[in-house]
């Protein structure tokens, strides 16, 4: 079980857990706790995230190959300095 459930959230493009996208991409933005050392999206560690920062973002884009027609599921995981899971969240983008 996550050590700090409820500390991870998505605030944009649509707050919550779902978004419908008609363009070629979007920026997924969210918040996490100051105990976060790393943020992962679909097992990819966000390279620009700095430990202790309470804000994170991830580009979902056709050009990057991580946004396709239909339903796209992003599993977001926040980890502490010991690599323990603080919180996890699933965000779904439906590409029209």
N, C-alpha and C. Protein backbone atom coordinates (compact mmCIF):
# COMPACT_ATOMS: atom_id res chain seq x y z
N UNK A 1 0.85 -1.19 0.00
CA UNK A 1 0.00 0.00 0.00
C UNK A 1 0.89 1.25 0.00
N UNK A 2 0.46 2.29 -0.70
CA UNK A 2 1.23 3.53 -0.71
C UNK A 2 1.40 4.10 0.70
N UNK A 3 2.55 4.70 0.96
CA UNK A 3 2.85 5.26 2.28
C UNK A 3 2.13 6.57 2.55
N UNK A 4 1.78 7.31 1.48
CA UNK A 4 1.14 8.62 1.64
C UNK A 4 0.01 8.77 0.62
N UNK A 5 -0.93 7.84 0.67
CA UNK A 5 -2.05 7.85 -0.27
C UNK A 5 -2.79 9.18 -0.24
N UNK A 6 -3.15 9.67 -1.42
CA UNK A 6 -3.89 10.92 -1.53
C UNK A 6 -3.03 12.15 -1.71
N UNK A 7 -1.70 11.98 -1.73
CA UNK A 7 -0.82 13.15 -1.89
C UNK A 7 -0.48 13.45 -3.35
N UNK A 8 -0.81 12.54 -4.25
CA UNK A 8 -0.54 12.71 -5.67
C UNK A 8 -1.84 13.08 -6.38
N UNK A 9 -1.77 14.10 -7.26
CA UNK A 9 -2.97 14.49 -7.98
C UNK A 9 -2.61 15.07 -9.35
N UNK A 10 -3.62 15.09 -10.24
CA UNK A 10 -3.49 15.73 -11.54
C UNK A 10 -4.37 16.98 -11.52
N UNK A 11 -3.80 18.11 -11.93
CA UNK A 11 -4.53 19.38 -11.94
C UNK A 11 -4.85 19.87 -13.35
N UNK A 12 -4.14 19.37 -14.38
CA UNK A 12 -4.37 19.80 -15.76
C UNK A 12 -3.94 18.68 -16.70
N UNK A 13 -4.50 18.54 -17.86
CA UNK A 13 -5.41 19.46 -18.54
C UNK A 13 -6.82 19.48 -17.94
N UNK A 14 -7.22 18.39 -17.30
CA UNK A 14 -8.49 18.33 -16.57
C UNK A 14 -8.17 17.72 -15.22
N UNK A 15 -8.55 18.40 -14.16
CA UNK A 15 -8.30 17.88 -12.81
C UNK A 15 -9.05 16.57 -12.62
N UNK A 16 -8.45 15.68 -11.83
CA UNK A 16 -9.10 14.40 -11.55
C UNK A 16 -8.38 13.24 -12.18
N UNK A 17 -9.14 12.36 -12.85
CA UNK A 17 -8.54 11.14 -13.39
C UNK A 17 -8.82 10.92 -14.87
N UNK A 18 -9.56 11.84 -15.53
CA UNK A 18 -9.88 11.64 -16.95
C UNK A 18 -9.85 12.95 -17.73
N UNK A 19 -9.51 12.83 -19.02
CA UNK A 19 -9.49 13.98 -19.93
C UNK A 19 -9.78 13.48 -21.34
N UNK A 20 -10.48 14.29 -22.12
CA UNK A 20 -10.71 14.00 -23.54
C UNK A 20 -9.91 15.01 -24.35
N UNK A 21 -9.09 14.52 -25.28
CA UNK A 21 -8.18 15.36 -26.05
C UNK A 21 -8.50 15.24 -27.54
N UNK A 22 -8.59 16.39 -28.22
CA UNK A 22 -8.84 16.36 -29.65
C UNK A 22 -7.62 16.83 -30.45
N UNK A 23 -6.62 17.35 -29.76
CA UNK A 23 -5.41 17.82 -30.44
C UNK A 23 -4.37 16.73 -30.58
N UNK A 24 -3.13 17.15 -30.86
CA UNK A 24 -2.04 16.19 -31.06
C UNK A 24 -1.25 15.91 -29.79
N UNK A 25 -1.60 16.61 -28.70
CA UNK A 25 -0.90 16.38 -27.45
C UNK A 25 -1.35 17.34 -26.36
N UNK A 26 -0.88 17.06 -25.16
CA UNK A 26 -1.23 17.88 -24.02
C UNK A 26 -0.18 17.71 -22.93
N UNK A 27 -0.16 18.64 -22.00
CA UNK A 27 0.73 18.57 -20.86
C UNK A 27 -0.07 18.11 -19.65
N UNK A 28 0.33 16.98 -19.08
CA UNK A 28 -0.31 16.50 -17.85
C UNK A 28 0.47 17.13 -16.70
N UNK A 29 -0.23 17.85 -15.83
CA UNK A 29 0.40 18.54 -14.71
C UNK A 29 -0.23 18.08 -13.41
N UNK A 30 0.57 18.05 -12.36
CA UNK A 30 0.02 17.63 -11.08
C UNK A 30 0.84 18.07 -9.90
N UNK A 31 0.39 17.62 -8.74
CA UNK A 31 1.03 17.97 -7.47
C UNK A 31 1.38 16.70 -6.71
N UNK A 32 2.39 16.82 -5.86
CA UNK A 32 2.82 15.73 -5.01
C UNK A 32 3.36 16.30 -3.71
N UNK A 33 3.77 15.45 -2.79
CA UNK A 33 4.25 15.93 -1.50
C UNK A 33 5.73 16.29 -1.55
N UNK A 34 6.19 17.04 -0.55
CA UNK A 34 7.61 17.42 -0.47
C UNK A 34 8.50 16.22 -0.18
N UNK A 35 7.94 15.10 0.25
CA UNK A 35 8.71 13.88 0.50
C UNK A 35 9.06 13.13 -0.78
N UNK A 36 8.53 13.59 -1.91
CA UNK A 36 8.74 12.91 -3.19
C UNK A 36 10.16 13.14 -3.70
N UNK A 37 10.84 12.05 -4.01
CA UNK A 37 12.19 12.11 -4.59
C UNK A 37 12.17 11.89 -6.09
N UNK A 38 11.14 11.16 -6.59
CA UNK A 38 11.02 10.92 -8.03
C UNK A 38 9.56 10.68 -8.39
N UNK A 39 9.24 11.05 -9.64
CA UNK A 39 7.90 10.81 -10.17
C UNK A 39 8.07 9.99 -11.44
N UNK A 40 7.22 8.99 -11.58
CA UNK A 40 7.28 8.07 -12.71
C UNK A 40 5.94 8.06 -13.42
N UNK A 41 5.95 7.99 -14.75
CA UNK A 41 4.74 7.86 -15.54
C UNK A 41 4.95 6.67 -16.46
N UNK A 42 4.10 5.66 -16.30
CA UNK A 42 4.22 4.42 -17.09
C UNK A 42 5.66 3.88 -17.07
N UNK A 43 6.23 3.83 -15.86
CA UNK A 43 7.58 3.29 -15.63
C UNK A 43 8.70 4.14 -16.22
N UNK A 44 8.38 5.38 -16.63
CA UNK A 44 9.39 6.33 -17.11
C UNK A 44 9.61 7.37 -16.02
N UNK A 45 10.85 7.52 -15.57
CA UNK A 45 11.15 8.50 -14.54
C UNK A 45 11.26 9.88 -15.17
N UNK A 46 10.50 10.83 -14.64
CA UNK A 46 10.53 12.19 -15.16
C UNK A 46 11.91 12.79 -14.91
N UNK A 47 12.60 13.15 -15.99
CA UNK A 47 13.98 13.60 -15.90
C UNK A 47 14.13 15.01 -15.35
N UNK A 48 13.14 15.86 -15.54
CA UNK A 48 13.24 17.25 -15.08
C UNK A 48 12.68 17.47 -13.69
N UNK A 49 12.11 16.42 -13.09
CA UNK A 49 11.56 16.56 -11.74
C UNK A 49 12.71 16.65 -10.73
N UNK A 50 12.62 17.64 -9.84
CA UNK A 50 13.62 17.82 -8.79
C UNK A 50 13.05 17.33 -7.46
N UNK A 51 13.79 16.49 -6.73
CA UNK A 51 13.31 15.98 -5.43
C UNK A 51 12.84 17.10 -4.50
N UNK A 52 11.70 16.85 -3.86
CA UNK A 52 11.14 17.82 -2.92
C UNK A 52 10.21 18.84 -3.55
N UNK A 53 10.19 18.90 -4.88
CA UNK A 53 9.30 19.83 -5.57
C UNK A 53 7.88 19.29 -5.50
N UNK A 54 6.92 20.16 -5.29
CA UNK A 54 5.53 19.71 -5.16
C UNK A 54 4.77 19.74 -6.47
N UNK A 55 5.44 20.09 -7.59
CA UNK A 55 4.80 20.18 -8.90
C UNK A 55 5.55 19.29 -9.88
N UNK A 56 4.79 18.60 -10.74
CA UNK A 56 5.40 17.76 -11.78
C UNK A 56 4.60 17.92 -13.07
N UNK A 57 5.21 17.56 -14.22
CA UNK A 57 4.47 17.55 -15.49
C UNK A 57 5.06 16.52 -16.44
N UNK A 58 4.23 16.13 -17.40
CA UNK A 58 4.57 15.07 -18.36
C UNK A 58 3.90 15.41 -19.69
N UNK A 59 4.64 15.31 -20.78
CA UNK A 59 4.09 15.59 -22.10
C UNK A 59 3.51 14.32 -22.69
N UNK A 60 2.21 14.36 -22.99
CA UNK A 60 1.55 13.27 -23.71
C UNK A 60 1.37 13.77 -25.15
N UNK A 61 2.01 13.11 -26.10
CA UNK A 61 2.05 13.63 -27.46
C UNK A 61 2.09 12.51 -28.51
N UNK A 62 1.38 12.74 -29.60
CA UNK A 62 1.46 11.79 -30.72
C UNK A 62 2.89 11.71 -31.23
N UNK A 63 3.57 12.85 -31.33
CA UNK A 63 4.93 12.90 -31.86
C UNK A 63 5.90 12.09 -31.00
N UNK A 64 5.66 12.04 -29.70
CA UNK A 64 6.53 11.28 -28.80
C UNK A 64 6.12 9.80 -28.72
N UNK A 65 4.97 9.48 -29.31
CA UNK A 65 4.51 8.10 -29.33
C UNK A 65 3.81 7.63 -28.06
N UNK A 66 3.48 8.55 -27.17
CA UNK A 66 2.83 8.15 -25.93
C UNK A 66 1.37 8.62 -25.84
N UNK A 67 0.82 9.03 -26.99
CA UNK A 67 -0.59 9.40 -27.09
C UNK A 67 -1.11 8.89 -28.43
N UNK A 68 -2.05 7.97 -28.36
CA UNK A 68 -2.61 7.37 -29.57
C UNK A 68 -4.12 7.55 -29.59
N UNK A 69 -4.72 7.29 -30.72
CA UNK A 69 -6.17 7.36 -30.86
C UNK A 69 -6.83 6.42 -29.86
N UNK A 70 -7.91 6.87 -29.23
CA UNK A 70 -8.62 6.02 -28.28
C UNK A 70 -8.19 6.29 -26.85
N UNK A 71 -8.26 5.26 -26.04
CA UNK A 71 -8.00 5.38 -24.61
C UNK A 71 -6.51 5.20 -24.30
N UNK A 72 -5.94 6.15 -23.58
CA UNK A 72 -4.54 6.13 -23.16
C UNK A 72 -4.50 6.18 -21.64
N UNK A 73 -3.84 5.21 -21.02
CA UNK A 73 -3.78 5.15 -19.57
C UNK A 73 -2.37 5.47 -19.09
N UNK A 74 -2.28 6.40 -18.15
CA UNK A 74 -1.01 6.81 -17.57
C UNK A 74 -1.01 6.47 -16.08
N UNK A 75 -0.09 5.62 -15.67
CA UNK A 75 0.05 5.26 -14.27
C UNK A 75 1.16 6.13 -13.69
N UNK A 76 0.79 6.98 -12.75
CA UNK A 76 1.72 7.94 -12.16
C UNK A 76 2.08 7.46 -10.75
N UNK A 77 3.37 7.43 -10.47
CA UNK A 77 3.85 6.94 -9.17
C UNK A 77 4.83 7.95 -8.59
N UNK A 78 4.62 8.29 -7.32
CA UNK A 78 5.55 9.14 -6.58
C UNK A 78 6.33 8.24 -5.63
N UNK A 79 7.66 8.41 -5.60
CA UNK A 79 8.53 7.58 -4.74
C UNK A 79 9.38 8.48 -3.84
N UNK A 80 9.69 7.97 -2.67
CA UNK A 80 10.56 8.72 -1.75
C UNK A 80 12.02 8.39 -2.02
N UNK A 81 12.94 8.93 -1.21
CA UNK A 81 14.37 8.74 -1.41
C UNK A 81 14.80 7.28 -1.26
N UNK A 82 14.00 6.47 -0.57
CA UNK A 82 14.29 5.04 -0.41
C UNK A 82 13.66 4.22 -1.53
N UNK A 83 13.10 4.89 -2.53
CA UNK A 83 12.43 4.28 -3.67
C UNK A 83 11.12 3.59 -3.28
N UNK A 84 10.59 3.93 -2.11
CA UNK A 84 9.31 3.38 -1.66
C UNK A 84 8.17 4.19 -2.30
N UNK A 85 7.08 3.52 -2.60
CA UNK A 85 5.94 4.19 -3.23
C UNK A 85 5.18 5.03 -2.20
N UNK A 86 5.14 6.34 -2.46
CA UNK A 86 4.37 7.24 -1.62
C UNK A 86 2.91 7.25 -2.03
N UNK A 87 2.67 7.32 -3.33
CA UNK A 87 1.30 7.34 -3.84
C UNK A 87 1.31 6.94 -5.30
N UNK A 88 0.17 6.49 -5.77
CA UNK A 88 0.00 6.11 -7.18
C UNK A 88 -1.36 6.58 -7.66
N UNK A 89 -1.45 6.89 -8.94
CA UNK A 89 -2.67 7.43 -9.53
C UNK A 89 -2.74 7.00 -10.99
N UNK A 90 -3.92 6.69 -11.45
CA UNK A 90 -4.12 6.37 -12.86
C UNK A 90 -4.91 7.50 -13.51
N UNK A 91 -4.37 8.03 -14.62
CA UNK A 91 -5.01 9.12 -15.36
C UNK A 91 -5.27 8.61 -16.78
N UNK A 92 -6.46 8.85 -17.29
CA UNK A 92 -6.84 8.36 -18.61
C UNK A 92 -7.12 9.54 -19.54
N UNK A 93 -6.50 9.51 -20.71
CA UNK A 93 -6.78 10.50 -21.77
C UNK A 93 -7.42 9.74 -22.92
N UNK A 94 -8.60 10.17 -23.33
CA UNK A 94 -9.25 9.61 -24.50
C UNK A 94 -8.97 10.55 -25.65
N UNK A 95 -8.25 10.07 -26.66
CA UNK A 95 -7.89 10.86 -27.84
C UNK A 95 -8.94 10.66 -28.90
N UNK A 96 -9.60 11.74 -29.28
CA UNK A 96 -10.65 11.68 -30.30
C UNK A 96 -10.08 11.81 -31.69
